[in-house]
PDB file of all heavy atoms in Angstrom:
ATOM      1  N   ASP A   1      89.956 162.827 116.199  1.00  0.00           N
ATOM      2  CA  ASP A   1      90.743 161.781 115.542  1.00  0.00           C
ATOM      3  C   ASP A   1      91.125 160.664 116.511  1.00  0.00           C
ATOM      4  O   ASP A   1      91.102 159.492 116.153  1.00  0.00           O
ATOM      5  CB  ASP A   1      91.987 162.374 114.882  1.00  0.00           C
ATOM      6  CG  ASP A   1      92.547 161.464 113.804  1.00  0.00           C
ATOM      7  OD1 ASP A   1      91.828 161.191 112.825  1.00  0.00           O
ATOM      8  OD2 ASP A   1      93.693 161.006 113.957  1.00  0.00           O
ATOM      9  N   GLU A   2      91.438 161.026 117.743  1.00  0.00           N
ATOM     10  CA  GLU A   2      91.746 160.007 118.761  1.00  0.00           C
ATOM     11  C   GLU A   2      90.547 159.101 118.999  1.00  0.00           C
ATOM     12  O   GLU A   2      90.684 157.879 119.099  1.00  0.00           O
ATOM     13  CB  GLU A   2      92.144 160.678 120.081  1.00  0.00           C
ATOM     14  CG  GLU A   2      93.506 161.304 120.065  1.00  0.00           C
ATOM     15  CD  GLU A   2      93.764 162.150 121.308  1.00  0.00           C
ATOM     16  OE1 GLU A   2      92.999 162.031 122.302  1.00  0.00           O
ATOM     17  OE2 GLU A   2      94.725 162.938 121.289  1.00  0.00           O
ATOM     18  N   LYS A   3      89.358 159.692 119.088  1.00  0.00           N
ATOM     19  CA  LYS A   3      88.132 158.916 119.304  1.00  0.00           C
ATOM     20  C   LYS A   3      87.849 158.005 118.105  1.00  0.00           C
ATOM     21  O   LYS A   3      87.445 156.857 118.265  1.00  0.00           O
ATOM     22  CB  LYS A   3      86.931 159.831 119.541  1.00  0.00           C
ATOM     23  CG  LYS A   3      86.988 160.596 120.832  1.00  0.00           C
ATOM     24  CD  LYS A   3      86.627 159.704 121.989  1.00  0.00           C
ATOM     25  CE  LYS A   3      86.485 160.492 123.270  1.00  0.00           C
ATOM     26  NZ  LYS A   3      86.230 159.639 124.406  1.00  0.00           N
ATOM     27  N   LEU A   4      88.072 158.516 116.897  1.00  0.00           N
ATOM     28  CA  LEU A   4      87.864 157.699 115.700  1.00  0.00           C
ATOM     29  C   LEU A   4      88.837 156.523 115.660  1.00  0.00           C
ATOM     30  O   LEU A   4      88.497 155.439 115.204  1.00  0.00           O
ATOM     31  CB  LEU A   4      88.009 158.544 114.434  1.00  0.00           C
ATOM     32  CG  LEU A   4      86.801 159.397 114.065  1.00  0.00           C
ATOM     33  CD1 LEU A   4      87.183 160.454 113.035  1.00  0.00           C
ATOM     34  CD2 LEU A   4      85.664 158.532 113.551  1.00  0.00           C
ATOM     35  N   CYS A   5      90.049 156.732 116.146  1.00  0.00           N
ATOM     36  CA  CYS A   5      91.060 155.667 116.146  1.00  0.00           C
ATOM     37  C   CYS A   5      90.738 154.543 117.122  1.00  0.00           C
ATOM     38  O   CYS A   5      91.395 153.500 117.110  1.00  0.00           O
ATOM     39  CB  CYS A   5      92.446 156.242 116.417  1.00  0.00           C
ATOM     40  SG  CYS A   5      93.161 157.051 114.959  1.00  0.00           S
ATOM     41  N   ALA A   6      89.706 154.717 117.949  1.00  0.00           N
ATOM     42  CA  ALA A   6      89.233 153.610 118.792  1.00  0.00           C
ATOM     43  C   ALA A   6      88.651 152.504 117.917  1.00  0.00           C
ATOM     44  O   ALA A   6      88.573 151.348 118.328  1.00  0.00           O
ATOM     45  CB  ALA A   6      88.188 154.102 119.790  1.00  0.00           C
ATOM     46  N   ASN A   7      88.261 152.860 116.695  1.00  0.00           N
ATOM     47  CA  ASN A   7      87.823 151.880 115.709  1.00  0.00           C
ATOM     48  C   ASN A   7      89.102 151.339 115.043  1.00  0.00           C
ATOM     49  O   ASN A   7      89.833 152.079 114.374  1.00  0.00           O
ATOM     50  CB  ASN A   7      86.917 152.554 114.674  1.00  0.00           C
ATOM     51  CG  ASN A   7      86.521 151.649 113.538  1.00  0.00           C
ATOM     52  OD1 ASN A   7      87.348 150.971 112.940  1.00  0.00           O
ATOM     53  ND2 ASN A   7      85.252 151.649 113.216  1.00  0.00           N
ATOM     54  N   LEU A   8      89.382 150.066 115.238  1.00  0.00           N
ATOM     55  CA  LEU A   8      90.637 149.480 114.742  1.00  0.00           C
ATOM     56  C   LEU A   8      90.792 149.610 113.234  1.00  0.00           C
ATOM     57  O   LEU A   8      91.899 149.814 112.739  1.00  0.00           O
ATOM     58  CB  LEU A   8      90.714 148.009 115.150  1.00  0.00           C
ATOM     59  CG  LEU A   8      90.744 147.747 116.654  1.00  0.00           C
ATOM     60  CD1 LEU A   8      90.708 146.250 116.935  1.00  0.00           C
ATOM     61  CD2 LEU A   8      91.974 148.372 117.276  1.00  0.00           C
ATOM     62  N   HIS A   9      89.693 149.494 112.507  1.00  0.00           N
ATOM     63  CA  HIS A   9      89.766 149.593 111.042  1.00  0.00           C
ATOM     64  C   HIS A   9      90.109 151.016 110.612  1.00  0.00           C
ATOM     65  O   HIS A   9      90.913 151.216 109.693  1.00  0.00           O
ATOM     66  CB  HIS A   9      88.446 149.143 110.419  1.00  0.00           C
ATOM     67  CG  HIS A   9      88.073 147.741 110.758  1.00  0.00           C
ATOM     68  ND1 HIS A   9      88.746 146.648 110.258  1.00  0.00           N
ATOM     69  CD2 HIS A   9      87.111 147.247 111.568  1.00  0.00           C
ATOM     70  CE1 HIS A   9      88.209 145.546 110.741  1.00  0.00           C
ATOM     71  NE2 HIS A   9      87.213 145.874 111.547  1.00  0.00           N
ATOM     72  N   TYR A  10      89.515 151.995 111.278  1.00  0.00           N
ATOM     73  CA  TYR A  10      89.839 153.393 110.991  1.00  0.00           C
ATOM     74  C   TYR A  10      91.309 153.657 111.328  1.00  0.00           C
ATOM     75  O   TYR A  10      92.036 154.270 110.540  1.00  0.00           O
ATOM     76  CB  TYR A  10      88.930 154.335 111.784  1.00  0.00           C
ATOM     77  CG  TYR A  10      89.271 155.792 111.593  1.00  0.00           C
ATOM     78  CD1 TYR A  10      88.717 156.525 110.550  1.00  0.00           C
ATOM     79  CD2 TYR A  10      90.174 156.440 112.437  1.00  0.00           C
ATOM     80  CE1 TYR A  10      89.038 157.860 110.359  1.00  0.00           C
ATOM     81  CE2 TYR A  10      90.504 157.773 112.254  1.00  0.00           C
ATOM     82  CZ  TYR A  10      89.934 158.468 111.213  1.00  0.00           C
ATOM     83  OH  TYR A  10      90.271 159.793 111.022  1.00  0.00           O
ATOM     84  N   ALA A  11      91.738 153.192 112.484  1.00  0.00           N
ATOM     85  CA  ALA A  11      93.130 153.394 112.918  1.00  0.00           C
ATOM     86  C   ALA A  11      94.109 152.788 111.911  1.00  0.00           C
ATOM     87  O   ALA A  11      95.146 153.384 111.608  1.00  0.00           O
ATOM     88  CB  ALA A  11      93.341 152.791 114.303  1.00  0.00           C
ATOM     89  N   GLN A  12      93.765 151.628 111.375  1.00  0.00           N
ATOM     90  CA  GLN A  12      94.621 150.983 110.370  1.00  0.00           C
ATOM     91  C   GLN A  12      94.698 151.830 109.098  1.00  0.00           C
ATOM     92  O   GLN A  12      95.782 151.997 108.525  1.00  0.00           O
ATOM     93  CB  GLN A  12      94.091 149.573 110.053  1.00  0.00           C
ATOM     94  CG  GLN A  12      94.887 148.826 109.009  1.00  0.00           C
ATOM     95  CD  GLN A  12      96.265 148.401 109.485  1.00  0.00           C
ATOM     96  OE1 GLN A  12      96.627 148.563 110.643  1.00  0.00           O
ATOM     97  NE2 GLN A  12      97.038 147.847 108.604  1.00  0.00           N
ATOM     98  N   CYS A  13      93.581 152.383 108.668  1.00  0.00           N
ATOM     99  CA  CYS A  13      93.580 153.251 107.481  1.00  0.00           C
ATOM    100  C   CYS A  13      94.427 154.500 107.717  1.00  0.00           C
ATOM    101  O   CYS A  13      95.103 154.968 106.803  1.00  0.00           O
ATOM    102  CB  CYS A  13      92.145 153.643 107.114  1.00  0.00           C
ATOM    103  SG  CYS A  13      91.188 152.287 106.420  1.00  0.00           S
ATOM    104  N   ARG A  14      94.400 155.023 108.941  1.00  0.00           N
ATOM    105  CA  ARG A  14      95.242 156.175 109.268  1.00  0.00           C
ATOM    106  C   ARG A  14      96.718 155.788 109.242  1.00  0.00           C
ATOM    107  O   ARG A  14      97.544 156.504 108.676  1.00  0.00           O
ATOM    108  CB  ARG A  14      94.875 156.722 110.664  1.00  0.00           C
ATOM    109  CG  ARG A  14      93.537 157.401 110.724  1.00  0.00           C
ATOM    110  CD  ARG A  14      93.545 158.843 110.240  1.00  0.00           C
ATOM    111  NE  ARG A  14      94.276 159.668 111.191  1.00  0.00           N
ATOM    112  CZ  ARG A  14      95.391 160.339 110.906  1.00  0.00           C
ATOM    113  NH1 ARG A  14      95.903 160.311 109.705  1.00  0.00           N
ATOM    114  NH2 ARG A  14      95.998 161.056 111.827  1.00  0.00           N
ATOM    115  N   ARG A  15      97.061 154.624 109.824  1.00  0.00           N
ATOM    116  CA  ARG A  15      98.462 154.167 109.841  1.00  0.00           C
ATOM    117  C   ARG A  15      98.992 153.936 108.430  1.00  0.00           C
ATOM    118  O   ARG A  15     100.154 154.210 108.143  1.00  0.00           O
ATOM    119  CB  ARG A  15      98.598 152.877 110.650  1.00  0.00           C
ATOM    120  CG  ARG A  15      98.748 153.089 112.138  1.00  0.00           C
ATOM    121  CD  ARG A  15      99.186 151.831 112.873  1.00  0.00           C
ATOM    122  NE  ARG A  15      98.218 150.755 112.767  1.00  0.00           N
ATOM    123  CZ  ARG A  15      97.135 150.617 113.532  1.00  0.00           C
ATOM    124  NH1 ARG A  15      96.881 151.512 114.457  1.00  0.00           N
ATOM    125  NH2 ARG A  15      96.319 149.600 113.371  1.00  0.00           N
ATOM    126  N   LEU A  16      98.136 153.429 107.549  1.00  0.00           N
ATOM    127  CA  LEU A  16      98.547 153.151 106.173  1.00  0.00           C
ATOM    128  C   LEU A  16      98.556 154.399 105.293  1.00  0.00           C
ATOM    129  O   LEU A  16      98.974 154.345 104.143  1.00  0.00           O
ATOM    130  CB  LEU A  16      97.612 152.100 105.549  1.00  0.00           C
ATOM    131  CG  LEU A  16      97.672 150.705 106.163  1.00  0.00           C
ATOM    132  CD1 LEU A  16      96.581 149.818 105.575  1.00  0.00           C
ATOM    133  CD2 LEU A  16      99.044 150.087 105.934  1.00  0.00           C
ATOM    134  N   GLY A  17      98.090 155.518 105.828  1.00  0.00           N
ATOM    135  CA  GLY A  17      98.064 156.762 105.057  1.00  0.00           C
ATOM    136  C   GLY A  17      96.904 156.840 104.083  1.00  0.00           C
ATOM    137  O   GLY A  17      96.887 157.713 103.209  1.00  0.00           O
ATOM    138  N   GLN A  18      95.915 155.962 104.213  1.00  0.00           N
ATOM    139  CA  GLN A  18      94.757 156.001 103.328  1.00  0.00           C
ATOM    140  C   GLN A  18      93.811 157.134 103.693  1.00  0.00           C
ATOM    141  O   GLN A  18      93.089 157.642 102.840  1.00  0.00           O
ATOM    142  CB  GLN A  18      94.004 154.665 103.380  1.00  0.00           C
ATOM    143  CG  GLN A  18      94.818 153.511 102.846  1.00  0.00           C
ATOM    144  CD  GLN A  18      94.184 152.170 103.148  1.00  0.00           C
ATOM    145  OE1 GLN A  18      93.718 151.915 104.256  1.00  0.00           O
ATOM    146  NE2 GLN A  18      94.176 151.304 102.151  1.00  0.00           N
ATOM    147  N   LEU A  19      93.813 157.505 104.962  1.00  0.00           N
ATOM    148  CA  LEU A  19      92.999 158.617 105.441  1.00  0.00           C
ATOM    149  C   LEU A  19      93.884 159.597 106.206  1.00  0.00           C
ATOM    150  O   LEU A  19      94.769 159.191 106.952  1.00  0.00           O
ATOM    151  CB  LEU A  19      91.892 158.114 106.386  1.00  0.00           C
ATOM    152  CG  LEU A  19      90.753 157.331 105.756  1.00  0.00           C
ATOM    153  CD1 LEU A  19      89.885 156.696 106.835  1.00  0.00           C
ATOM    154  CD2 LEU A  19      89.909 158.229 104.860  1.00  0.00           C
ATOM    155  N   LYS A  20      93.635 160.886 105.994  1.00  0.00           N
ATOM    156  CA  LYS A  20      94.312 161.928 106.757  1.00  0.00           C
ATOM    157  C   LYS A  20      93.595 162.116 108.089  1.00  0.00           C
ATOM    158  O   LYS A  20      92.479 161.628 108.289  1.00  0.00           O
ATOM    159  CB  LYS A  20      94.285 163.250 105.987  1.00  0.00           C
ATOM    160  CG  LYS A  20      95.048 163.226 104.681  1.00  0.00           C
ATOM    161  CD  LYS A  20      94.886 164.565 103.998  1.00  0.00           C
ATOM    162  CE  LYS A  20      95.494 164.559 102.610  1.00  0.00           C
ATOM    163  NZ  LYS A  20      95.225 165.826 101.890  1.00  0.00           N
ATOM    164  N   LYS A  21      94.227 162.866 108.959  1.00  0.00           N
ATOM    165  CA  LYS A  21      93.652 163.171 110.268  1.00  0.00           C
ATOM    166  C   LYS A  21      92.285 163.842 110.099  1.00  0.00           C
ATOM    167  O   LYS A  21      92.104 164.717 109.235  1.00  0.00           O
ATOM    168  CB  LYS A  21      94.600 164.101 111.023  1.00  0.00           C
ATOM    169  CG  LYS A  21      94.133 164.508 112.374  1.00  0.00           C
ATOM    170  CD  LYS A  21      95.200 165.394 113.009  1.00  0.00           C
ATOM    171  CE  LYS A  21      94.577 166.338 113.987  1.00  0.00           C
ATOM    172  NZ  LYS A  21      95.556 167.273 114.505  1.00  0.00           N
ATOM    173  N   ALA A  22      91.334 163.440 110.935  1.00  0.00           N
ATOM    174  CA  ALA A  22      89.991 164.023 110.902  1.00  0.00           C
ATOM    175  C   ALA A  22      90.050 165.501 111.278  1.00  0.00           C
ATOM    176  O   ALA A  22      90.957 165.943 111.983  1.00  0.00           O
ATOM    177  CB  ALA A  22      89.071 163.270 111.859  1.00  0.00           C
ATOM    178  N   ARG A  23      89.059 166.243 110.808  1.00  0.00           N
ATOM    179  CA  ARG A  23      89.011 167.657 111.137  1.00  0.00           C
ATOM    180  C   ARG A  23      87.588 168.083 111.466  1.00  0.00           C
ATOM    181  O   ARG A  23      86.645 167.306 111.312  1.00  0.00           O
ATOM    182  CB  ARG A  23      89.598 168.501 110.008  1.00  0.00           C
ATOM    183  CG  ARG A  23      88.966 168.291 108.659  1.00  0.00           C
ATOM    184  CD  ARG A  23      89.782 169.000 107.604  1.00  0.00           C
ATOM    185  NE  ARG A  23      89.226 168.768 106.274  1.00  0.00           N
ATOM    186  CZ  ARG A  23      89.642 169.399 105.202  1.00  0.00           C
ATOM    187  NH1 ARG A  23      90.598 170.283 105.289  1.00  0.00           N
ATOM    188  NH2 ARG A  23      89.112 169.140 104.036  1.00  0.00           N
ATOM    189  N   VAL A  24      87.463 169.320 111.898  1.00  0.00           N
ATOM    190  CA  VAL A  24      86.172 169.863 112.312  1.00  0.00           C
ATOM    191  C   VAL A  24      85.866 171.087 111.455  1.00  0.00           C
ATOM    192  O   VAL A  24      86.735 171.918 111.219  1.00  0.00           O
ATOM    193  CB  VAL A  24      86.182 170.248 113.811  1.00  0.00           C
ATOM    194  CG1 VAL A  24      84.876 170.911 114.221  1.00  0.00           C
ATOM    195  CG2 VAL A  24      86.459 169.020 114.668  1.00  0.00           C
ATOM    196  N   PHE A  25      84.622 171.164 111.003  1.00  0.00           N
ATOM    197  CA  PHE A  25      84.130 172.302 110.226  1.00  0.00           C
ATOM    198  C   PHE A  25      83.058 172.979 111.052  1.00  0.00           C
ATOM    199  O   PHE A  25      82.049 172.363 111.392  1.00  0.00           O
ATOM    200  CB  PHE A  25      83.543 171.807 108.896  1.00  0.00           C
ATOM    201  CG  PHE A  25      83.119 172.886 107.942  1.00  0.00           C
ATOM    202  CD1 PHE A  25      83.971 173.306 106.938  1.00  0.00           C
ATOM    203  CD2 PHE A  25      81.854 173.459 108.025  1.00  0.00           C
ATOM    204  CE1 PHE A  25      83.574 174.283 106.027  1.00  0.00           C
ATOM    205  CE2 PHE A  25      81.449 174.432 107.127  1.00  0.00           C
ATOM    206  CZ  PHE A  25      82.307 174.851 106.126  1.00  0.00           C
ATOM    207  N   GLN A  26      83.291 174.235 111.430  1.00  0.00           N
ATOM    208  CA  GLN A  26      82.284 174.949 112.217  1.00  0.00           C
ATOM    209  C   GLN A  26      81.338 175.674 111.277  1.00  0.00           C
ATOM    210  O   GLN A  26      81.732 176.566 110.525  1.00  0.00           O
ATOM    211  CB  GLN A  26      82.914 175.938 113.201  1.00  0.00           C
ATOM    212  CG  GLN A  26      81.847 176.581 114.074  1.00  0.00           C
ATOM    213  CD  GLN A  26      82.401 177.324 115.267  1.00  0.00           C
ATOM    214  OE1 GLN A  26      83.601 177.511 115.403  1.00  0.00           O
ATOM    215  NE2 GLN A  26      81.499 177.752 116.138  1.00  0.00           N
ATOM    216  N   ILE A  27      80.076 175.270 111.341  1.00  0.00           N
ATOM    217  CA  ILE A  27      79.022 175.869 110.522  1.00  0.00           C
ATOM    218  C   ILE A  27      78.558 177.140 111.220  1.00  0.00           C
ATOM    219  O   ILE A  27      78.281 177.132 112.419  1.00  0.00           O
ATOM    220  CB  ILE A  27      77.852 174.878 110.346  1.00  0.00           C
ATOM    221  CG1 ILE A  27      78.357 173.572 109.724  1.00  0.00           C
ATOM    222  CG2 ILE A  27      76.752 175.498 109.500  1.00  0.00           C
ATOM    223  CD1 ILE A  27      77.364 172.423 109.788  1.00  0.00           C
ATOM    224  N   ARG A  28      78.466 178.210 110.478  1.00  0.00           N
ATOM    225  CA  ARG A  28      78.122 179.504 111.066  1.00  0.00           C
ATOM    226  C   ARG A  28      76.614 179.709 111.217  1.00  0.00           C
ATOM    227  O   ARG A  28      76.172 180.367 112.136  1.00  0.00           O
ATOM    228  CB  ARG A  28      78.708 180.649 110.240  1.00  0.00           C
ATOM    229  CG  ARG A  28      80.205 180.673 110.266  1.00  0.00           C
ATOM    230  CD  ARG A  28      80.694 181.119 111.622  1.00  0.00           C
ATOM    231  NE  ARG A  28      82.138 180.966 111.698  1.00  0.00           N
ATOM    232  CZ  ARG A  28      82.788 180.685 112.792  1.00  0.00           C
ATOM    233  NH1 ARG A  28      82.168 180.526 113.922  1.00  0.00           N
ATOM    234  NH2 ARG A  28      84.084 180.550 112.774  1.00  0.00           N
ATOM    235  N   GLN A  29      75.816 179.168 110.289  1.00  0.00           N
ATOM    236  CA  GLN A  29      74.374 179.393 110.385  1.00  0.00           C
ATOM    237  C   GLN A  29      73.597 178.430 109.500  1.00  0.00           C
ATOM    238  O   GLN A  29      74.114 177.919 108.521  1.00  0.00           O
ATOM    239  CB  GLN A  29      74.015 180.831 110.007  1.00  0.00           C
ATOM    240  CG  GLN A  29      74.351 181.180 108.559  1.00  0.00           C
ATOM    241  CD  GLN A  29      74.049 182.627 108.238  1.00  0.00           C
ATOM    242  OE1 GLN A  29      73.821 183.426 109.128  1.00  0.00           O
ATOM    243  NE2 GLN A  29      74.036 182.965 106.972  1.00  0.00           N
ATOM    244  N   SER A  30      72.367 178.175 109.904  1.00  0.00           N
ATOM    245  CA  SER A  30      71.361 177.460 109.108  1.00  0.00           C
ATOM    246  C   SER A  30      71.775 176.075 108.639  1.00  0.00           C
ATOM    247  O   SER A  30      71.479 175.677 107.517  1.00  0.00           O
ATOM    248  CB  SER A  30      70.954 178.301 107.900  1.00  0.00           C
ATOM    249  OG  SER A  30      70.569 179.587 108.289  1.00  0.00           O
TER     250      SER A  30
END
């Protein structure tokens, strides 16, 4: 999320509450 916030437009959407904090999904296989 910190890396994504380097994009000013993304950071603005986060500040405005339009987007929640980014997350990670670990894929187990295939």
